[in-house]
Amino acid sequence: MKMSIKYISCFLQMVVLLNITACSDLNETVYSDITENTYNYEAGDATKVVGSSYANLRSFVGFYTYYMQEICTDELVQPANSAGWDDGGVFRRMHLHTWNAEQTHVADYWNACYTGILLSNRAIHKISRESFPIDSNESRVALIAEARTLRAYYYWYVLDNFGDAPFLTEPTSELVGKTPRKELYDFVVRELLECMDKLPEKKDISNYGRFTKWGAKALLANVYLNAEVYSGTSQWEACINQCDDIMKSGEYQFDVNYLDPFKVHNENSLENIFVITFDFIYARGFEIYKAALHAANQATYNLQDSPWGPGSVKAPPQFINTYDIDDERLEKTWLKGVQYAMNGSVLKGSYDMLGKPLEFVNSMPDGVFTGEADGYRSVKYEIEVAGRAFMSNDFVVFRLTQVYMMKAECLLRTGDANGAAELVTLVRERAFRKNPQKTKVTGDELIQASRYVYGVVNKYILTPQAGVYPEKFGRFYDELGWEFVGETMRRRDMIRFGHFTKVQWLSHLPNGDYRTLFPIPQKEVDANQKLEQNPSYIQ
């Protein structure tokens, strides 16, 4: 059984249902005679109050994170097909970078961020009061530090995706304007530095799915890794220092197999540092496989619920073609080829492949409309045989392999390509166990051009784009893709490497540098006169 953080997540809903959806609506709507002001908190409730902020994290994994961080990148796409999947063009706009301030995913993501911030502010405010009861096995100082770290985590999402944005650190109904992105960045760094030493150092069942000192350091390393984007000043050495602390802690080690961190019971992973917990009974919401698999694949895994139509989330062939054919991550990450039922029979198509053998192929006519068999499907998270509607895999946010690769990138960018290559080689070892001669990579190789052939695909024909992207460290960029595809890092990587708004893939054409930020949801701007829309999104 997984840590109790899964089971305390509904605590505040038992006390009062809050209509905290965004910064423009900070007032409570009370649906019960019991309110926060009348509820008598007891010893042990402090952990549950913080737990509500963790529960809100699950809203990020309900497809919003994939849409905002993956579907808009060069490694995943969600095209329409003969069964639908257009939904008014919402997925197409993410691929084409034509989203606007009315995009539902943008509004949902914004709401999830600020709900988490407001819940964290509420937890900090309550637990900080000396009158709030603390159980003998709780620490007021540690719980406040944990809530502050969670708040910093939510603000990282805000500054990363929206830039200048409202800043609140106290429970309030006040409408506020924007705070500059640099100030939000400085706040996140300061909070993490002040709080990390107050968090648990030992990884155990009591803090599974919660921020420890090492989780806070992994978060800070990520913030430092992207510091030049956020603040205009790089922080490569600062990132290395945080990575070194985690690597020297002895709390984490590489899992034996590449997919161990993503298993159904990945609470047993040796390398996962921070996860968002899910359970098919107590903590529902993780169901990404339904959007990737074909409905016929229900028979592949004997699933209790059918995937949605022919599926839609798939890999652009241009990305798949970057893999070394002997890279085990290719086979383990993607479902491809002829599809079979558990009894060994060949599955058949239901739409444009009606009655024909269902075979997932590495080709697409474009990124807007594909056939039911076009494109490899993501199966990075283990799909439980006889699985239910919701998955019990915990969503991986930070893992040790990422720490190694963050340090490697910083070494590369500060002139130590050979030092970077040593770390990348360690990461590659389990990807080439059958071909160990391919494990080693050199510093010279990491600075070579990417294998990604950018360009536009029309009727299955690729017209390559002029120029080489990314302009620096292309091979290292490829390594990030092969190791971390589907882990919601790609948008940040593309922005950091400078080509998110410059390159072409499938049907995507460059559509303005301002696309490195999302618009503020228009309904928030309309409701708050102090809130200005991000540049170039003004209607």
Protein backbone atom coordinates (compact mmCIF):
# COMPACT_ATOMS: atom_id res chain seq x y z
CA MET A 1 0.00 0.00 0.00
CA LYS A 2 1.34 3.41 -0.94
CA MET A 3 1.96 6.28 1.42
CA SER A 4 -0.97 7.90 3.18
CA ILE A 5 -0.58 11.11 1.19
CA LYS A 6 -2.98 9.43 -1.26
CA TYR A 7 -5.64 8.96 1.36
CA ILE A 8 -5.55 12.36 3.05
CA SER A 9 -6.11 14.27 -0.17
CA CYS A 10 -9.85 14.74 0.28
CA PHE A 11 -9.50 16.20 3.77
CA LEU A 12 -10.37 19.80 3.08
CA GLN A 13 -13.26 18.73 0.88
CA MET A 14 -14.75 17.08 3.94
CA VAL A 15 -14.50 20.38 5.76
CA VAL A 16 -15.50 22.86 3.05
CA LEU A 17 -15.64 22.80 -0.72
CA LEU A 18 -13.70 25.73 -2.06
CA ASN A 19 -14.39 27.43 -5.35
CA ILE A 20 -10.75 28.44 -5.77
CA THR A 21 -10.33 28.30 -9.51
CA ALA A 22 -8.16 31.27 -10.33
CA CYS A 23 -6.75 34.55 -9.16
CA SER A 24 -9.85 36.39 -10.27
CA ASP A 25 -12.11 34.42 -7.91
CA LEU A 26 -10.60 34.02 -4.48
CA ASN A 27 -13.77 33.91 -2.39
CA GLU A 28 -15.13 30.73 -0.84
CA THR A 29 -18.46 29.19 -1.76
CA VAL A 30 -19.70 27.27 1.26
CA TYR A 31 -21.72 24.11 0.63
CA SER A 32 -21.83 22.88 4.22
CA ASP A 33 -22.68 24.16 7.69
CA ILE A 34 -19.12 23.23 8.64
CA THR A 35 -16.67 25.85 7.40
CA GLU A 36 -12.98 26.41 7.92
CA ASN A 37 -13.79 28.92 10.64
CA THR A 38 -16.00 26.50 12.56
CA TYR A 39 -14.10 23.26 12.03
CA ASN A 40 -12.14 22.15 15.09
CA TYR A 41 -8.74 20.98 13.93
CA GLU A 42 -7.11 18.19 15.88
CA ALA A 43 -3.56 16.95 16.34
CA GLY A 44 -2.53 15.24 13.11
CA ASP A 45 -4.59 17.51 10.89
CA ALA A 46 -1.58 19.65 9.95
CA THR A 47 -0.24 16.90 7.67
CA LYS A 48 -3.68 16.60 6.08
CA VAL A 49 -3.88 20.34 5.44
CA VAL A 50 -0.59 20.19 3.54
CA GLY A 51 -1.88 17.06 1.82
CA SER A 52 -4.56 19.04 0.03
CA SER A 53 -1.85 20.89 -1.88
CA TYR A 54 -0.35 17.59 -2.97
CA ALA A 55 -3.74 16.28 -4.11
CA ASN A 56 -4.08 19.26 -6.43
CA LEU A 57 -0.92 18.13 -8.27
CA ARG A 58 -2.93 15.33 -9.87
CA SER A 59 -4.81 17.87 -11.95
CA PHE A 60 -1.55 18.52 -13.84
CA VAL A 61 -1.30 14.94 -14.99
CA GLY A 62 -4.94 14.73 -16.18
CA PHE A 63 -3.71 15.63 -19.76
CA TYR A 64 -3.01 19.32 -19.10
CA THR A 65 0.70 18.74 -18.60
CA TYR A 66 0.93 16.62 -21.73
CA TYR A 67 -0.85 19.22 -23.82
CA MET A 68 1.17 22.11 -22.43
CA GLN A 69 4.60 20.48 -22.26
CA GLU A 70 4.62 17.65 -24.82
CA ILE A 71 1.99 17.95 -27.58
CA CYS A 72 3.40 21.35 -28.54
CA THR A 73 6.89 19.86 -29.03
CA ASP A 74 8.76 17.79 -31.57
CA GLU A 75 8.44 14.45 -29.74
CA LEU A 76 4.66 13.95 -29.38
CA VAL A 77 1.67 14.92 -31.49
CA GLN A 78 -2.08 14.41 -31.21
CA PRO A 79 -3.64 14.57 -34.69
CA ALA A 80 -7.27 14.04 -35.61
CA ASN A 81 -8.32 10.83 -37.35
CA SER A 82 -11.40 9.19 -38.85
CA ALA A 83 -12.82 8.57 -35.36
CA GLY A 84 -12.54 12.19 -34.26
CA TRP A 85 -9.89 13.66 -31.96
CA ASP A 86 -10.32 17.14 -33.38
CA ASP A 87 -12.40 18.61 -30.55
CA GLY A 88 -12.75 21.96 -32.25
CA GLY A 89 -9.06 22.07 -33.10
CA VAL A 90 -7.70 22.25 -29.54
CA PHE A 91 -5.04 19.57 -30.12
CA ARG A 92 -4.22 20.82 -33.61
CA ARG A 93 -3.56 24.32 -32.25
CA MET A 94 -1.04 22.95 -29.76
CA HIS A 95 0.90 21.27 -32.58
CA LEU A 96 0.72 24.27 -34.89
CA HIS A 97 1.45 26.80 -32.12
CA THR A 98 -1.73 28.71 -32.93
CA TRP A 99 -3.28 28.58 -29.46
CA ASN A 100 -4.88 31.74 -28.12
CA ALA A 101 -6.09 33.09 -24.79
CA GLU A 102 -9.32 31.10 -25.11
CA GLN A 103 -7.55 27.72 -25.23
CA THR A 104 -9.14 25.51 -22.58
CA HIS A 105 -5.90 23.70 -21.71
CA VAL A 106 -4.21 27.01 -20.93
CA ALA A 107 -7.04 28.03 -18.61
CA ASP A 108 -7.09 24.61 -16.91
CA TYR A 109 -3.32 24.72 -16.38
CA TRP A 110 -3.48 28.25 -14.95
CA ASN A 111 -6.27 27.23 -12.59
CA ALA A 112 -4.36 24.18 -11.41
CA CYS A 113 -1.28 26.32 -10.68
CA TYR A 114 -3.11 28.95 -8.70
CA THR A 115 -5.33 26.50 -6.86
CA GLY A 116 -2.13 24.86 -5.63
CA ILE A 117 -0.65 28.21 -4.66
CA LEU A 118 -3.75 29.25 -2.76
CA LEU A 119 -4.00 25.89 -0.97
CA SER A 120 -0.32 26.16 -0.03
CA ASN A 121 -0.80 29.72 1.23
CA ARG A 122 -3.75 28.54 3.29
CA ALA A 123 -1.74 25.67 4.77
CA ILE A 124 1.19 27.94 5.67
CA HIS A 125 -1.13 30.51 7.24
CA LYS A 126 -2.98 27.94 9.35
CA ILE A 127 -0.08 25.84 10.54
CA SER A 128 1.97 28.93 11.40
CA ARG A 129 -0.53 29.84 14.11
CA GLU A 130 0.67 28.63 17.50
CA SER A 131 -2.92 27.66 18.32
CA PHE A 132 -3.03 25.11 15.49
CA PRO A 133 -2.64 21.66 17.12
CA ILE A 134 0.47 19.66 16.20
CA ASP A 135 0.73 15.93 16.79
CA SER A 136 3.73 14.47 18.58
CA ASN A 137 5.01 12.91 15.35
CA GLU A 138 4.62 16.15 13.39
CA SER A 139 6.98 19.10 13.15
CA ARG A 140 5.46 22.54 12.66
CA VAL A 141 8.72 23.84 11.19
CA ALA A 142 9.05 20.94 8.74
CA LEU A 143 5.41 21.12 7.63
CA ILE A 144 5.61 24.85 6.98
CA ALA A 145 8.81 24.29 5.00
CA GLU A 146 7.07 21.53 3.05
CA ALA A 147 4.11 23.78 2.19
CA ARG A 148 6.49 26.59 1.15
CA THR A 149 8.39 24.14 -1.09
CA LEU A 150 5.12 23.03 -2.67
CA ARG A 151 4.19 26.66 -3.27
CA ALA A 152 7.58 27.26 -4.90
CA TYR A 153 6.95 24.25 -7.11
CA TYR A 154 3.63 25.72 -8.30
CA TYR A 155 5.24 29.12 -8.87
CA TRP A 156 7.90 27.43 -10.98
CA TYR A 157 5.13 26.21 -13.29
CA VAL A 158 3.69 29.72 -13.37
CA LEU A 159 6.91 31.57 -14.23
CA ASP A 160 7.97 28.86 -16.66
CA ASN A 161 4.73 28.85 -18.64
CA PHE A 162 3.31 32.35 -18.24
CA GLY A 163 6.25 34.64 -17.40
CA ASP A 164 5.09 37.74 -15.52
CA ALA A 165 2.16 36.70 -13.36
CA PRO A 166 0.19 37.46 -10.17
CA PHE A 167 2.07 36.85 -6.93
CA LEU A 168 0.31 35.96 -3.69
CA THR A 169 1.79 34.64 -0.46
CA GLU A 170 -1.16 35.15 1.91
CA PRO A 171 -4.79 34.00 1.81
CA THR A 172 -6.61 36.96 0.28
CA SER A 173 -9.49 37.95 -1.97
CA GLU A 174 -7.53 40.88 -3.40
CA LEU A 175 -7.12 41.04 -7.16
CA VAL A 176 -3.51 41.71 -8.08
CA GLY A 177 -1.57 42.56 -11.21
CA LYS A 178 1.58 41.01 -12.60
CA THR A 179 4.90 40.50 -10.86
CA PRO A 180 7.92 40.32 -13.21
CA ARG A 181 9.16 36.86 -14.09
CA LYS A 182 12.61 37.62 -12.66
CA GLU A 183 11.07 38.41 -9.26
CA LEU A 184 9.08 35.18 -9.30
CA TYR A 185 12.26 33.32 -10.16
CA ASP A 186 14.13 35.00 -7.29
CA PHE A 187 11.30 34.11 -4.91
CA VAL A 188 11.34 30.43 -5.89
CA VAL A 189 15.12 30.22 -5.46
CA ARG A 190 15.01 31.98 -2.10
CA GLU A 191 12.18 29.82 -0.78
CA LEU A 192 13.89 26.58 -1.75
CA LEU A 193 17.22 27.62 -0.25
CA GLU A 194 15.52 28.60 3.00
CA CYS A 195 13.35 25.49 3.26
CA MET A 196 15.37 22.53 2.00
CA ASP A 197 17.38 21.97 5.20
CA LYS A 198 14.15 21.82 7.22
CA LEU A 199 12.84 18.92 5.12
CA PRO A 200 13.53 15.20 5.76
CA GLU A 201 16.87 13.91 4.54
CA LYS A 202 16.06 10.20 4.73
CA LYS A 203 13.91 8.66 2.02
CA ASP A 204 11.32 6.32 3.55
CA ILE A 205 7.65 5.36 3.37
CA SER A 206 6.61 8.28 5.58
CA ASN A 207 7.63 10.86 2.98
CA TYR A 208 6.91 8.97 -0.23
CA GLY A 209 5.17 11.32 -2.66
CA ARG A 210 6.21 14.31 -0.54
CA PHE A 211 9.04 16.80 -0.81
CA THR A 212 12.24 15.81 0.94
CA LYS A 213 15.45 17.81 1.02
CA TRP A 214 16.53 16.00 -2.14
CA GLY A 215 13.25 16.67 -3.93
CA ALA A 216 13.66 20.37 -3.13
CA LYS A 217 17.22 20.25 -4.46
CA ALA A 218 16.06 18.53 -7.65
CA LEU A 219 13.47 21.28 -8.10
CA LEU A 220 16.06 23.99 -7.50
CA ALA A 221 18.46 22.32 -9.96
CA ASN A 222 15.72 22.46 -12.61
CA VAL A 223 15.10 26.12 -11.87
CA TYR A 224 18.82 26.88 -12.10
CA LEU A 225 19.10 24.86 -15.32
CA ASN A 226 16.61 27.22 -16.95
CA ALA A 227 17.74 30.37 -15.11
CA GLU A 228 18.99 32.13 -18.22
CA VAL A 229 15.51 31.82 -19.77
CA TYR A 230 13.83 33.06 -16.59
CA SER A 231 16.22 35.78 -15.43
CA GLY A 232 18.69 36.51 -18.23
CA THR A 233 21.61 35.10 -16.21
CA SER A 234 22.82 31.49 -16.41
CA GLN A 235 23.40 29.46 -13.24
CA TRP A 236 25.24 26.40 -14.50
CA GLU A 237 27.57 26.07 -11.49
CA ALA A 238 24.69 26.52 -9.05
CA CYS A 239 22.82 23.74 -10.83
CA ILE A 240 25.87 21.46 -10.63
CA ASN A 241 26.12 22.06 -6.88
CA GLN A 242 22.53 20.96 -6.30
CA CYS A 243 23.01 17.90 -8.50
CA ASP A 244 26.21 16.95 -6.66
CA ASP A 245 24.43 17.09 -3.31
CA ILE A 246 21.74 14.69 -4.52
CA MET A 247 24.25 12.33 -6.14
CA LYS A 248 26.37 12.24 -2.96
CA SER A 249 23.40 11.72 -0.64
CA GLY A 250 23.35 7.96 -1.20
CA GLU A 251 19.55 7.99 -1.11
CA TYR A 252 19.04 7.13 -4.78
CA GLN A 253 20.54 4.87 -7.41
CA PHE A 254 19.77 3.89 -10.99
CA ASP A 255 17.07 1.27 -11.39
CA VAL A 256 18.23 -1.89 -13.15
CA ASN A 257 15.78 -1.53 -16.02
CA TYR A 258 14.88 1.62 -17.95
CA LEU A 259 11.15 1.25 -17.30
CA ASP A 260 11.38 0.39 -13.59
CA PRO A 261 10.64 4.01 -12.57
CA PHE A 262 7.35 3.81 -14.53
CA LYS A 263 5.97 0.46 -13.40
CA VAL A 264 2.54 0.05 -11.87
CA HIS A 265 4.22 -0.34 -8.49
CA ASN A 266 6.87 2.29 -9.04
CA GLU A 267 6.86 3.14 -5.35
CA ASN A 268 9.62 0.52 -5.31
CA SER A 269 11.82 2.48 -7.71
CA LEU A 270 15.33 3.19 -6.49
CA GLU A 271 15.82 6.31 -8.59
CA ASN A 272 12.56 8.26 -8.31
CA ILE A 273 13.08 11.36 -6.19
CA PHE A 274 9.66 13.02 -6.35
CA VAL A 275 6.43 11.61 -7.76
CA ILE A 276 2.77 12.58 -7.94
CA THR A 277 0.89 9.68 -6.39
CA PHE A 278 -2.01 7.89 -8.07
CA ASP A 279 -4.17 4.91 -7.23
CA PHE A 280 -7.05 3.42 -9.21
CA ILE A 281 -9.29 3.59 -6.11
CA TYR A 282 -8.06 6.34 -3.80
CA ALA A 283 -6.31 8.77 -6.12
CA ARG A 284 -7.75 8.59 -9.61
CA GLY A 285 -7.03 10.65 -12.69
CA PHE A 286 -4.05 9.06 -14.43
CA GLU A 287 -5.32 7.49 -17.66
CA ILE A 288 -2.92 8.62 -20.36
CA TYR A 289 -2.88 5.17 -21.99
CA LYS A 290 -6.46 5.68 -23.17
CA ALA A 291 -5.39 8.52 -25.45
CA ALA A 292 -2.46 6.59 -26.93
CA LEU A 293 -3.70 3.05 -27.51
CA HIS A 294 -6.15 1.85 -30.15
CA ALA A 295 -9.46 0.52 -28.81
CA ALA A 296 -8.45 -2.88 -30.17
CA ASN A 297 -5.53 -2.89 -27.71
CA GLN A 298 -8.06 -3.56 -24.98
CA ALA A 299 -7.52 -7.19 -25.94
CA THR A 300 -3.73 -6.78 -25.80
CA TYR A 301 -3.83 -6.09 -22.08
CA ASN A 302 -7.27 -7.51 -21.19
CA LEU A 303 -8.25 -4.03 -20.02
CA GLN A 304 -11.52 -3.52 -18.19
CA ASP A 305 -12.01 -0.18 -20.00
CA SER A 306 -11.48 0.47 -23.69
CA PRO A 307 -8.96 3.03 -24.95
CA TRP A 308 -10.52 5.89 -26.87
CA GLY A 309 -11.16 5.06 -30.54
CA PRO A 310 -7.97 4.51 -32.51
CA GLY A 311 -6.01 6.67 -30.07
CA SER A 312 -4.20 9.87 -30.95
CA VAL A 313 -1.09 10.57 -28.84
CA LYS A 314 1.83 9.32 -30.92
CA ALA A 315 5.43 10.02 -31.93
CA PRO A 316 6.36 12.09 -34.99
CA PRO A 317 8.34 9.80 -37.32
CA GLN A 318 11.06 12.46 -37.43
CA PHE A 319 11.66 11.88 -33.72
CA ILE A 320 11.58 8.08 -33.96
CA ASN A 321 14.14 8.23 -36.76
CA THR A 322 16.69 9.81 -34.41
CA TYR A 323 17.02 6.59 -32.37
CA ASP A 324 19.85 4.13 -32.75
CA ILE A 325 18.17 0.90 -33.86
CA ASP A 326 19.90 -0.94 -31.00
CA ASP A 327 18.74 1.50 -28.32
CA GLU A 328 16.52 -0.58 -26.01
CA ARG A 329 14.57 2.57 -25.11
CA LEU A 330 13.06 2.52 -28.61
CA GLU A 331 11.43 -0.87 -28.03
CA LYS A 332 10.49 -0.19 -24.43
CA THR A 333 8.97 3.25 -24.92
CA TRP A 334 6.90 2.73 -28.07
CA LEU A 335 4.22 0.26 -29.12
CA LYS A 336 4.78 -0.54 -32.78
CA GLY A 337 4.28 -3.16 -35.45
CA VAL A 338 1.48 -5.74 -35.74
CA GLN A 339 -0.84 -5.70 -32.75
CA TYR A 340 -1.93 -8.89 -31.02
CA ALA A 341 -4.51 -9.94 -28.46
CA MET A 342 -3.38 -11.82 -25.36
CA ASN A 343 -4.41 -15.09 -27.03
CA GLY A 344 -2.04 -14.40 -29.94
CA SER A 345 -4.61 -13.45 -32.54
CA VAL A 346 -3.92 -10.47 -34.79
CA LEU A 347 -5.99 -7.38 -33.99
CA LYS A 348 -7.97 -5.72 -36.76
CA GLY A 349 -8.62 -2.11 -37.62
CA SER A 350 -12.03 -0.50 -37.15
CA TYR A 351 -11.95 2.68 -39.23
CA ASP A 352 -9.86 3.34 -42.33
CA MET A 353 -8.21 -0.06 -41.70
CA LEU A 354 -11.54 -1.85 -41.18
CA GLY A 355 -11.01 -5.59 -41.11
CA LYS A 356 -7.32 -5.32 -41.96
CA PRO A 357 -4.49 -6.35 -39.62
CA LEU A 358 -3.67 -3.49 -37.25
CA GLU A 359 -0.02 -2.54 -37.60
CA PHE A 360 1.39 0.65 -36.11
CA VAL A 361 3.83 2.12 -38.60
CA ASN A 362 6.42 4.85 -38.32
CA SER A 363 4.86 7.18 -40.85
CA MET A 364 2.32 9.98 -40.96
CA PRO A 365 0.88 12.00 -43.84
CA ASP A 366 1.18 15.15 -41.70
CA GLY A 367 0.55 16.29 -38.14
CA VAL A 368 -3.10 17.24 -38.57
CA PHE A 369 -4.98 14.15 -39.78
CA THR A 370 -3.68 10.58 -39.72
CA GLY A 371 -4.95 7.04 -40.25
CA GLU A 372 -5.70 4.72 -37.35
CA ALA A 373 -2.43 2.82 -37.78
CA ASP A 374 -0.14 5.80 -38.36
CA GLY A 375 2.46 6.47 -35.69
CA TYR A 376 4.05 4.58 -32.79
CA ARG A 377 2.19 4.80 -29.47
CA SER A 378 3.66 5.72 -26.10
CA VAL A 379 3.71 2.90 -23.52
CA LYS A 380 6.42 4.25 -21.22
CA TYR A 381 4.20 3.87 -18.17
CA GLU A 382 3.48 0.20 -17.62
CA ILE A 383 -0.06 -0.77 -18.56
CA GLU A 384 -1.43 -3.19 -16.01
CA VAL A 385 -2.83 -6.40 -17.47
CA ALA A 386 -6.53 -6.59 -16.60
CA GLY A 387 -6.08 -2.93 -15.72
CA ARG A 388 -8.88 -0.65 -14.65
CA ALA A 389 -10.08 2.71 -15.93
CA PHE A 390 -7.45 4.56 -13.91
CA MET A 391 -3.78 3.72 -13.51
CA SER A 392 -1.98 3.18 -10.20
CA ASN A 393 1.45 4.19 -11.53
CA ASP A 394 2.78 7.25 -9.75
CA PHE A 395 3.74 10.05 -12.13
CA VAL A 396 7.49 10.67 -12.10
CA VAL A 397 8.50 14.32 -11.69
CA PHE A 398 12.18 14.04 -10.73
CA ARG A 399 14.47 11.00 -10.89
CA LEU A 400 18.20 10.45 -10.42
CA THR A 401 18.87 10.01 -14.13
CA GLN A 402 17.62 13.54 -14.72
CA VAL A 403 20.02 14.81 -12.06
CA TYR A 404 22.95 13.19 -13.90
CA MET A 405 21.83 14.70 -17.19
CA MET A 406 21.32 18.17 -15.71
CA LYS A 407 24.88 18.09 -14.40
CA ALA A 408 26.10 16.79 -17.75
CA GLU A 409 24.44 19.65 -19.60
CA CYS A 410 25.94 22.22 -17.24
CA LEU A 411 29.40 20.71 -17.71
CA LEU A 412 28.90 20.78 -21.45
CA ARG A 413 27.85 24.42 -21.41
CA THR A 414 30.81 25.42 -19.23
CA GLY A 415 33.40 23.78 -21.48
CA ASP A 416 33.84 20.31 -19.94
CA ALA A 417 32.46 18.18 -22.77
CA ASN A 418 34.44 15.11 -21.68
CA GLY A 419 33.09 15.33 -18.14
CA ALA A 420 29.59 15.58 -19.58
CA ALA A 421 30.24 12.54 -21.78
CA GLU A 422 31.23 10.41 -18.78
CA LEU A 423 27.84 11.07 -17.16
CA VAL A 424 25.90 10.50 -20.37
CA THR A 425 27.74 7.21 -20.86
CA LEU A 426 26.59 6.06 -17.41
CA VAL A 427 23.00 6.87 -18.34
CA ARG A 428 23.32 4.99 -21.65
CA GLU A 429 24.59 1.76 -20.08
CA ARG A 430 21.19 0.18 -19.49
CA ALA A 431 19.96 1.30 -22.93
CA PHE A 432 22.62 -0.74 -24.76
CA ARG A 433 23.09 -3.80 -22.58
CA LYS A 434 22.89 -6.08 -25.63
CA ASN A 435 25.32 -3.85 -27.53
CA PRO A 436 27.70 -2.49 -24.87
CA GLN A 437 30.10 -1.25 -27.53
CA LYS A 438 27.54 1.50 -28.25
CA THR A 439 27.31 2.67 -24.67
CA LYS A 440 30.22 5.09 -24.69
CA VAL A 441 29.76 8.60 -26.00
CA THR A 442 32.51 11.21 -26.30
CA GLY A 443 32.56 14.93 -25.66
CA ASP A 444 33.16 15.55 -29.35
CA GLU A 445 30.02 13.60 -30.19
CA LEU A 446 27.85 15.54 -27.76
CA ILE A 447 28.59 18.82 -29.51
CA GLN A 448 27.76 17.44 -32.95
CA ALA A 449 24.54 18.17 -34.84
CA SER A 450 21.27 16.58 -33.82
CA ARG A 451 20.01 13.55 -35.72
CA TYR A 452 16.59 15.18 -35.89
CA VAL A 453 15.78 16.09 -39.51
CA TYR A 454 13.53 19.10 -39.12
CA GLY A 455 11.15 20.01 -41.89
CA VAL A 456 7.53 19.83 -43.04
CA VAL A 457 5.74 16.57 -43.85
CA ASN A 458 3.02 16.62 -46.51
CA LYS A 459 1.41 13.43 -47.83
CA TYR A 460 4.15 11.40 -46.11
CA ILE A 461 6.90 13.37 -47.89
CA LEU A 462 9.42 15.25 -45.73
CA THR A 463 10.81 18.51 -47.06
CA PRO A 464 13.85 19.20 -44.87
CA GLN A 465 14.30 22.62 -43.31
CA ALA A 466 17.42 24.62 -44.09
CA GLY A 467 19.79 25.02 -41.16
CA VAL A 468 20.92 22.79 -38.32
CA TYR A 469 18.96 22.74 -35.06
CA PRO A 470 19.67 23.05 -32.26
CA GLU A 471 22.61 25.22 -33.16
CA LYS A 472 24.76 23.90 -30.28
CA PHE A 473 25.03 20.55 -28.48
CA GLY A 474 22.66 18.78 -30.86
CA ARG A 475 23.68 15.25 -29.93
CA PHE A 476 23.18 15.99 -26.24
CA TYR A 477 19.73 17.33 -27.08
CA ASP A 478 19.00 13.98 -28.73
CA GLU A 479 20.13 12.15 -25.61
CA LEU A 480 17.60 14.13 -23.57
CA GLY A 481 14.85 13.10 -25.95
CA TRP A 482 15.67 9.39 -25.92
CA GLU A 483 15.88 9.23 -22.13
CA PHE A 484 13.06 11.56 -21.08
CA VAL A 485 10.43 11.44 -23.83
CA GLY A 486 6.97 11.84 -22.35
CA GLU A 487 8.26 13.10 -19.00
CA THR A 488 7.02 16.67 -19.65
CA MET A 489 10.46 18.23 -20.05
CA ARG A 490 10.60 18.69 -23.82
CA ARG A 491 9.07 22.18 -24.08
CA ARG A 492 11.61 23.54 -21.56
CA ASP A 493 14.42 21.72 -23.35
CA MET A 494 13.46 23.14 -26.75
CA ILE A 495 13.23 26.66 -25.32
CA ARG A 496 16.54 26.33 -23.48
CA PHE A 497 18.27 25.05 -26.62
CA GLY A 498 16.82 27.97 -28.56
CA HIS A 499 14.76 26.32 -31.28
CA PHE A 500 11.22 25.91 -29.91
CA THR A 501 10.03 28.75 -32.14
CA LYS A 502 12.48 28.20 -35.03
CA VAL A 503 12.05 24.65 -36.29
CA GLN A 504 9.56 22.75 -38.44
CA TRP A 505 8.23 19.26 -37.75
CA LEU A 506 5.26 17.45 -39.27
CA SER A 507 2.78 20.29 -39.95
CA HIS A 508 4.35 22.74 -37.48
CA LEU A 509 5.84 25.97 -38.80
CA PRO A 510 7.54 28.67 -36.69
CA ASN A 511 4.87 31.02 -35.43
CA GLY A 512 6.57 33.73 -33.39
CA ASP A 513 9.09 33.86 -30.54
CA TYR A 514 6.35 34.98 -28.15
CA ARG A 515 5.11 31.37 -28.22
CA THR A 516 7.73 30.49 -25.62
CA LEU A 517 5.10 31.76 -23.18
CA PHE A 518 1.42 30.90 -23.06
CA PRO A 519 -1.24 33.62 -22.86
CA ILE A 520 -2.99 34.43 -19.63
CA PRO A 521 -6.50 32.95 -19.90
CA GLN A 522 -8.73 35.64 -21.34
CA LYS A 523 -11.39 35.16 -18.69
CA GLU A 524 -8.80 36.08 -16.03
CA VAL A 525 -7.85 39.26 -17.88
CA ASP A 526 -11.51 40.18 -18.35
CA ALA A 527 -12.25 39.68 -14.65
CA ASN A 528 -9.24 41.60 -13.33
CA GLN A 529 -8.48 45.10 -14.62
CA LYS A 530 -5.03 44.94 -13.01
CA LEU A 531 -4.04 41.94 -15.10
CA GLU A 532 -2.49 42.60 -18.52
CA GLN A 533 -2.39 40.00 -21.27
CA ASN A 534 1.00 38.70 -22.35
CA PRO A 535 2.47 40.53 -25.35
CA SER A 536 1.26 39.50 -28.83
CA TYR A 537 -1.77 37.71 -27.39
CA ILE A 538 -3.75 40.93 -26.97
CA GLN A 539 -6.96 40.65 -28.97
